[in-house]
Amino acid sequence: MFAARGIAISFSVFVIVYGVLSLAVCLTWRKVWRYRQRYPVRWIANLLFALRMSPLATAAVITLAVTVPSFLWLEPRAIDESMGAIPLALSVGGAALGIFGVLNMGMAVRRTERAISVWIRKAQPVEATAALPVLRLSSAVPAIVAAGIVRPRILLSAAAESALTPRELESALNHEAAHVRRQDNLKKLLLRLVTFPGMRGLEAAWLEASEIAADDAAVSNAAEALDLAAALIKLSRLPPATSSADLATALLPGASPASVVNARVERLLAWNERRTRPLRNYSPWYGLAAAAATVVVFSVTYSQLLVHVHTATEWLVR
């Protein structure tokens, strides 16, 4: 009974924190998106992804670092009191949320593996300047994608290879290599773990920002920007991929609206080296000082915090 109560309380706290923070993110992420013209898009993409994952990370930390220790330390083991309907419902919801997230991740991996297995039939290696293995596909689609998380590789269709000039192809390969460096496929997988109504807009904004960030990382001057813009235009005329690969990044994502593609082309045509410059560098000592201060405050107030959390969970159970 003691263990069951602890599990129910932990899941209840997790669901409450996760739900409240997810709602807060839903209401605030657009303010971050408005600053995409003022700051480097790679920074905006990182911040959007951090916002999307913050409810899960924060709820997990609070549950494991505060709720569970407060229960183990302060809850009498011999007590025998019934659980209320609310904590039971919340605990069931928390368990269902976790199971659904894991299953969602598994289905995404399975769909991607099936699609890639079809694409790479009779694929041949290609000598390219990219730092990743490049395979030429026998099928016409997809045009060009970066697939894989542990062992990433770039898949290139013969139709895309013949449609692009060598410089355009190099820019396209650099775009996909930038996705791999940024671990975008892993981020897509993690997004399958977190679910909350109303988050599709944030996830679409992150996907758009990640594509623009890869565009910026793939070019270093106006000529390369023109080559990548030309590659985007040419590849947009090829047929889209019919198979679903959730965990593969494409130069032209199948779900990407034409307006987003046009905006990317216009942005490349108006390439400006200032937008690729890094933000002002701050001393790492600032971060270390803030982390040290946080640890000190947490250590001093930890015992009192556990008492307050246990009081709150007792109220929740009743």
Protein backbone atom coordinates (compact mmCIF):
# COMPACT_ATOMS: atom_id res chain seq x y z
CA MET A 1 0.00 0.00 0.00
CA PHE A 2 2.88 2.36 0.81
CA ALA A 3 4.48 1.80 -2.61
CA ALA A 4 1.14 2.18 -4.40
CA ARG A 5 0.49 5.49 -2.64
CA GLY A 6 3.95 6.73 -3.53
CA ILE A 7 3.51 5.84 -7.19
CA ALA A 8 0.06 7.44 -7.32
CA ILE A 9 1.28 10.65 -5.69
CA SER A 10 4.34 10.85 -7.95
CA PHE A 11 2.27 10.43 -11.12
CA SER A 12 -0.27 12.96 -9.83
CA VAL A 13 2.36 15.63 -9.22
CA PHE A 14 3.95 14.88 -12.58
CA VAL A 15 0.65 15.32 -14.44
CA ILE A 16 -0.21 18.55 -12.61
CA VAL A 17 3.19 20.17 -13.25
CA TYR A 18 3.32 18.89 -16.83
CA GLY A 19 -0.18 20.14 -17.62
CA VAL A 20 0.28 23.59 -16.06
CA LEU A 21 3.65 24.19 -17.74
CA SER A 22 2.40 22.87 -21.09
CA LEU A 23 -0.51 25.31 -20.95
CA ALA A 24 1.92 28.13 -20.14
CA VAL A 25 4.10 27.18 -23.12
CA CYS A 26 1.05 27.10 -25.41
CA LEU A 27 0.22 30.66 -24.38
CA THR A 28 3.73 32.12 -24.62
CA TRP A 29 5.73 30.46 -27.41
CA ARG A 30 4.47 32.86 -30.09
CA LYS A 31 6.25 35.72 -28.33
CA VAL A 32 9.53 33.90 -28.95
CA TRP A 33 8.63 33.28 -32.59
CA ARG A 34 8.17 37.03 -33.16
CA TYR A 35 11.86 37.60 -32.53
CA ARG A 36 13.01 35.39 -35.41
CA GLN A 37 13.84 38.46 -37.50
CA ARG A 38 15.97 40.03 -34.76
CA TYR A 39 18.04 37.07 -33.62
CA PRO A 40 19.80 34.18 -35.41
CA VAL A 41 17.23 31.57 -36.39
CA ARG A 42 19.37 28.76 -34.99
CA TRP A 43 19.02 30.40 -31.58
CA ILE A 44 15.24 30.72 -32.04
CA ALA A 45 15.01 27.07 -33.11
CA ASN A 46 16.94 25.94 -30.03
CA LEU A 47 14.74 28.06 -27.77
CA LEU A 48 11.51 26.75 -29.33
CA PHE A 49 12.66 23.16 -28.85
CA ALA A 50 13.69 23.90 -25.26
CA LEU A 51 10.27 25.41 -24.60
CA ARG A 52 8.55 22.37 -26.07
CA MET A 53 10.54 19.96 -23.90
CA SER A 54 10.60 22.10 -20.74
CA PRO A 55 7.27 20.83 -19.30
CA LEU A 56 8.47 17.23 -19.44
CA ALA A 57 11.93 18.01 -18.08
CA THR A 58 10.65 20.23 -15.27
CA ALA A 59 7.91 17.81 -14.26
CA ALA A 60 10.39 14.93 -14.19
CA VAL A 61 12.90 16.89 -12.06
CA ILE A 62 10.26 18.03 -9.58
CA THR A 63 8.85 14.53 -9.29
CA LEU A 64 12.15 12.70 -8.90
CA ALA A 65 14.11 15.29 -6.93
CA VAL A 66 11.39 16.61 -4.62
CA THR A 67 8.13 14.62 -4.60
CA VAL A 68 9.58 11.12 -4.28
CA PRO A 69 12.15 12.05 -1.57
CA SER A 70 9.52 13.95 0.43
CA PHE A 71 7.22 10.93 0.37
CA LEU A 72 9.94 8.46 1.31
CA TRP A 73 11.25 10.66 4.12
CA LEU A 74 8.04 11.98 5.69
CA GLU A 75 5.25 9.54 4.85
CA PRO A 76 4.54 7.00 7.64
CA ARG A 77 4.95 3.48 6.31
CA ALA A 78 2.42 1.95 8.68
CA ILE A 79 -0.44 4.30 7.83
CA ASP A 80 -3.43 2.82 6.06
CA GLU A 81 -5.66 5.48 4.51
CA SER A 82 -7.64 5.34 1.32
CA MET A 83 -6.72 7.30 -1.80
CA GLY A 84 -9.12 9.89 -3.16
CA ALA A 85 -10.61 9.77 -6.62
CA ILE A 86 -8.63 12.78 -7.85
CA PRO A 87 -5.11 11.40 -7.20
CA LEU A 88 -6.15 8.04 -8.60
CA ALA A 89 -7.45 9.65 -11.77
CA LEU A 90 -4.33 11.81 -12.10
CA SER A 91 -2.03 8.85 -11.56
CA VAL A 92 -3.86 6.81 -14.21
CA GLY A 93 -3.65 9.79 -16.55
CA GLY A 94 0.08 10.15 -15.90
CA ALA A 95 0.72 6.48 -16.58
CA ALA A 96 -1.36 6.64 -19.76
CA LEU A 97 0.52 9.75 -20.87
CA GLY A 98 3.86 8.00 -20.48
CA ILE A 99 2.71 4.83 -22.22
CA PHE A 100 1.23 6.80 -25.11
CA GLY A 101 4.46 8.78 -25.53
CA VAL A 102 6.63 5.67 -25.62
CA LEU A 103 4.28 3.95 -28.09
CA ASN A 104 4.26 7.09 -30.23
CA MET A 105 8.05 7.04 -30.34
CA GLY A 106 8.07 3.36 -31.23
CA MET A 107 5.61 3.85 -34.09
CA ALA A 108 7.65 6.76 -35.45
CA VAL A 109 10.80 4.64 -35.44
CA ARG A 110 8.95 1.75 -37.10
CA ARG A 111 7.45 3.95 -39.84
CA THR A 112 10.84 5.50 -40.54
CA GLU A 113 12.61 2.14 -40.71
CA ARG A 114 10.00 0.79 -43.11
CA ALA A 115 10.25 3.82 -45.39
CA ILE A 116 14.05 3.81 -45.42
CA SER A 117 14.21 0.08 -46.09
CA VAL A 118 12.11 0.66 -49.20
CA TRP A 119 14.16 3.65 -50.31
CA ILE A 120 17.61 2.07 -49.97
CA ARG A 121 16.85 -1.05 -52.01
CA LYS A 122 19.58 -1.25 -54.64
CA ALA A 123 21.06 2.01 -53.34
CA GLN A 124 24.66 2.77 -54.31
CA PRO A 125 27.27 4.85 -52.48
CA VAL A 126 28.10 8.23 -53.98
CA GLU A 127 31.39 10.06 -53.75
CA ALA A 128 30.58 13.46 -52.33
CA THR A 129 32.19 16.26 -50.37
CA ALA A 130 29.72 15.79 -47.50
CA ALA A 131 31.11 14.51 -44.21
CA LEU A 132 28.39 11.82 -44.14
CA PRO A 133 27.83 8.71 -46.26
CA VAL A 134 25.69 9.48 -49.31
CA LEU A 135 23.58 6.79 -51.01
CA ARG A 136 22.04 7.14 -54.47
CA LEU A 137 18.48 5.79 -54.50
CA SER A 138 17.04 3.82 -57.37
CA SER A 139 13.61 5.38 -56.76
CA ALA A 140 12.71 8.93 -57.76
CA VAL A 141 11.64 9.91 -54.26
CA PRO A 142 12.56 11.20 -51.81
CA ALA A 143 14.73 13.83 -53.47
CA ILE A 144 17.27 14.21 -50.67
CA VAL A 145 16.95 13.39 -46.97
CA ALA A 146 19.16 12.86 -43.94
CA ALA A 147 18.12 9.65 -42.20
CA GLY A 148 19.24 7.99 -39.00
CA ILE A 149 20.21 9.08 -35.51
CA VAL A 150 23.03 6.77 -34.39
CA ARG A 151 24.48 6.22 -37.86
CA PRO A 152 23.14 9.06 -40.01
CA ARG A 153 23.41 9.06 -43.78
CA ILE A 154 22.14 11.15 -46.66
CA LEU A 155 19.84 9.54 -49.22
CA LEU A 156 19.89 11.11 -52.68
CA SER A 157 17.61 10.22 -55.56
CA ALA A 158 18.99 9.95 -59.08
CA ALA A 159 16.36 12.46 -60.23
CA ALA A 160 17.58 15.07 -57.74
CA GLU A 161 21.21 14.40 -58.61
CA SER A 162 20.57 14.93 -62.30
CA ALA A 163 18.45 18.03 -61.73
CA LEU A 164 21.06 19.89 -59.71
CA THR A 165 24.39 21.34 -60.74
CA PRO A 166 27.44 20.23 -58.73
CA ARG A 167 27.41 23.44 -56.68
CA GLU A 168 23.68 23.21 -56.03
CA LEU A 169 24.05 19.58 -54.99
CA GLU A 170 26.87 20.49 -52.62
CA SER A 171 24.71 23.17 -51.00
CA ALA A 172 21.84 20.70 -50.62
CA LEU A 173 24.14 18.11 -49.04
CA ASN A 174 25.51 20.75 -46.68
CA HIS A 175 21.94 21.59 -45.66
CA GLU A 176 21.28 17.97 -44.70
CA ALA A 177 24.63 17.71 -42.93
CA ALA A 178 23.63 20.73 -40.86
CA HIS A 179 20.48 18.88 -39.75
CA VAL A 180 22.64 15.98 -38.61
CA ARG A 181 25.01 18.26 -36.68
CA ARG A 182 22.02 19.83 -34.94
CA GLN A 183 20.61 16.39 -34.07
CA ASP A 184 17.25 17.31 -35.61
CA ASN A 185 16.21 13.69 -36.13
CA LEU A 186 16.78 12.98 -32.45
CA LYS A 187 14.77 16.08 -31.57
CA LYS A 188 11.93 14.84 -33.76
CA LEU A 189 11.99 11.56 -31.89
CA LEU A 190 11.83 13.33 -28.53
CA LEU A 191 8.87 15.39 -29.72
CA ARG A 192 6.97 12.13 -30.20
CA LEU A 193 7.37 11.48 -26.48
CA VAL A 194 5.60 14.65 -25.34
CA THR A 195 1.92 15.16 -26.08
CA PHE A 196 -0.40 18.03 -25.23
CA PRO A 197 -3.32 19.63 -27.09
CA GLY A 198 -2.49 22.83 -28.93
CA MET A 199 1.23 22.16 -29.42
CA ARG A 200 1.14 21.56 -33.18
CA GLY A 201 1.69 25.24 -33.91
CA LEU A 202 4.83 25.29 -31.77
CA GLU A 203 6.15 22.11 -33.38
CA ALA A 204 5.48 23.48 -36.87
CA ALA A 205 7.28 26.71 -35.94
CA TRP A 206 10.26 24.71 -34.67
CA LEU A 207 10.35 22.66 -37.87
CA GLU A 208 10.34 25.83 -39.97
CA ALA A 209 13.04 27.42 -37.82
CA SER A 210 15.18 24.27 -38.00
CA GLU A 211 14.97 24.31 -41.81
CA ILE A 212 15.98 27.97 -41.97
CA ALA A 213 18.78 27.35 -39.47
CA ALA A 214 20.06 24.53 -41.69
CA ASP A 215 19.86 26.88 -44.68
CA ASP A 216 22.02 29.42 -42.86
CA ALA A 217 24.51 26.75 -41.77
CA ALA A 218 24.82 25.42 -45.33
CA VAL A 219 25.94 28.70 -46.91
CA SER A 220 28.70 31.16 -46.11
CA ASN A 221 28.35 33.70 -48.92
CA ALA A 222 25.85 35.07 -51.40
CA ALA A 223 26.88 32.70 -54.19
CA GLU A 224 26.26 29.63 -52.04
CA ALA A 225 22.94 31.10 -50.94
CA LEU A 226 21.91 31.43 -54.60
CA ASP A 227 22.93 27.82 -55.25
CA LEU A 228 20.80 26.57 -52.35
CA ALA A 229 17.85 28.72 -53.46
CA ALA A 230 18.13 27.25 -56.94
CA ALA A 231 18.25 23.76 -55.47
CA LEU A 232 15.08 24.46 -53.48
CA ILE A 233 13.28 25.68 -56.59
CA LYS A 234 14.34 22.72 -58.71
CA LEU A 235 13.57 20.10 -56.09
CA SER A 236 10.15 21.63 -55.44
CA ARG A 237 9.21 20.59 -58.97
CA LEU A 238 9.97 16.93 -58.30
CA PRO A 239 7.21 14.61 -57.03
CA PRO A 240 6.97 14.40 -53.23
CA ALA A 241 7.80 11.24 -51.33
CA THR A 242 4.82 8.96 -50.82
CA SER A 243 6.31 6.96 -47.91
CA SER A 244 6.30 8.36 -44.40
CA ALA A 245 9.62 8.80 -42.59
CA ASP A 246 8.94 10.75 -39.42
CA LEU A 247 12.55 10.75 -38.27
CA ALA A 248 14.24 11.91 -41.47
CA THR A 249 14.93 15.52 -42.44
CA ALA A 250 14.40 16.59 -46.02
CA LEU A 251 15.51 19.71 -47.86
CA LEU A 252 11.83 20.11 -48.72
CA PRO A 253 9.68 18.51 -45.99
CA GLY A 254 6.55 16.95 -47.44
CA ALA A 255 4.28 18.77 -45.00
CA SER A 256 5.96 22.12 -45.55
CA PRO A 257 3.54 24.69 -47.07
CA ALA A 258 4.52 26.39 -50.33
CA SER A 259 4.56 29.71 -48.49
CA VAL A 260 7.35 28.45 -46.22
CA VAL A 261 9.40 27.25 -49.21
CA ASN A 262 8.90 30.60 -50.92
CA ALA A 263 9.96 32.43 -47.76
CA ARG A 264 13.11 30.33 -47.54
CA VAL A 265 13.97 31.05 -51.18
CA GLU A 266 13.38 34.78 -50.71
CA ARG A 267 15.51 34.76 -47.58
CA LEU A 268 18.37 33.04 -49.40
CA LEU A 269 18.13 35.46 -52.31
CA ALA A 270 18.42 38.32 -49.82
CA TRP A 271 21.30 36.61 -47.99
CA ASN A 272 23.09 38.78 -45.46
CA GLU A 273 26.21 37.62 -43.66
CA ARG A 274 25.23 39.55 -40.52
CA ARG A 275 22.43 37.13 -39.69
CA THR A 276 24.88 34.22 -39.52
CA ARG A 277 27.16 35.94 -37.05
CA PRO A 278 27.10 34.50 -33.53
CA LEU A 279 25.43 36.30 -30.69
CA ARG A 280 27.55 38.25 -28.29
CA ASN A 281 29.78 35.89 -26.39
CA TYR A 282 29.31 35.86 -22.65
CA SER A 283 31.81 34.50 -20.18
CA PRO A 284 31.00 30.95 -19.05
CA TRP A 285 31.69 32.14 -15.51
CA TYR A 286 28.26 33.79 -15.51
CA GLY A 287 26.59 30.44 -16.08
CA LEU A 288 28.79 28.69 -13.54
CA ALA A 289 28.06 31.37 -10.95
CA ALA A 290 24.32 31.09 -11.54
CA ALA A 291 24.48 27.28 -11.31
CA ALA A 292 26.51 27.43 -8.10
CA ALA A 293 24.07 29.91 -6.56
CA THR A 294 21.15 27.68 -7.49
CA VAL A 295 22.80 24.64 -5.91
CA VAL A 296 23.55 26.56 -2.70
CA VAL A 297 19.99 27.89 -2.39
CA PHE A 298 18.54 24.48 -3.16
CA SER A 299 20.78 22.78 -0.61
CA VAL A 300 19.91 25.26 2.15
CA THR A 301 16.17 25.11 1.58
CA TYR A 302 15.87 21.46 0.53
CA SER A 303 14.65 20.07 3.85
CA GLN A 304 12.05 22.79 4.24
CA LEU A 305 11.00 22.34 0.64
CA LEU A 306 10.41 18.62 1.21
CA VAL A 307 8.18 19.41 4.18
CA HIS A 308 6.08 21.86 2.16
CA VAL A 309 5.79 19.45 -0.76
CA HIS A 310 4.72 16.63 1.54
CA THR A 311 2.06 18.90 3.05
CA ALA A 312 0.79 19.71 -0.43
CA THR A 313 0.68 16.07 -1.47
CA GLU A 314 -1.17 15.17 1.72
CA TRP A 315 -3.81 17.74 0.81
CA LEU A 316 -3.95 16.30 -2.69
CA VAL A 317 -4.53 12.77 -1.40
CA ARG A 318 -7.39 13.87 0.82
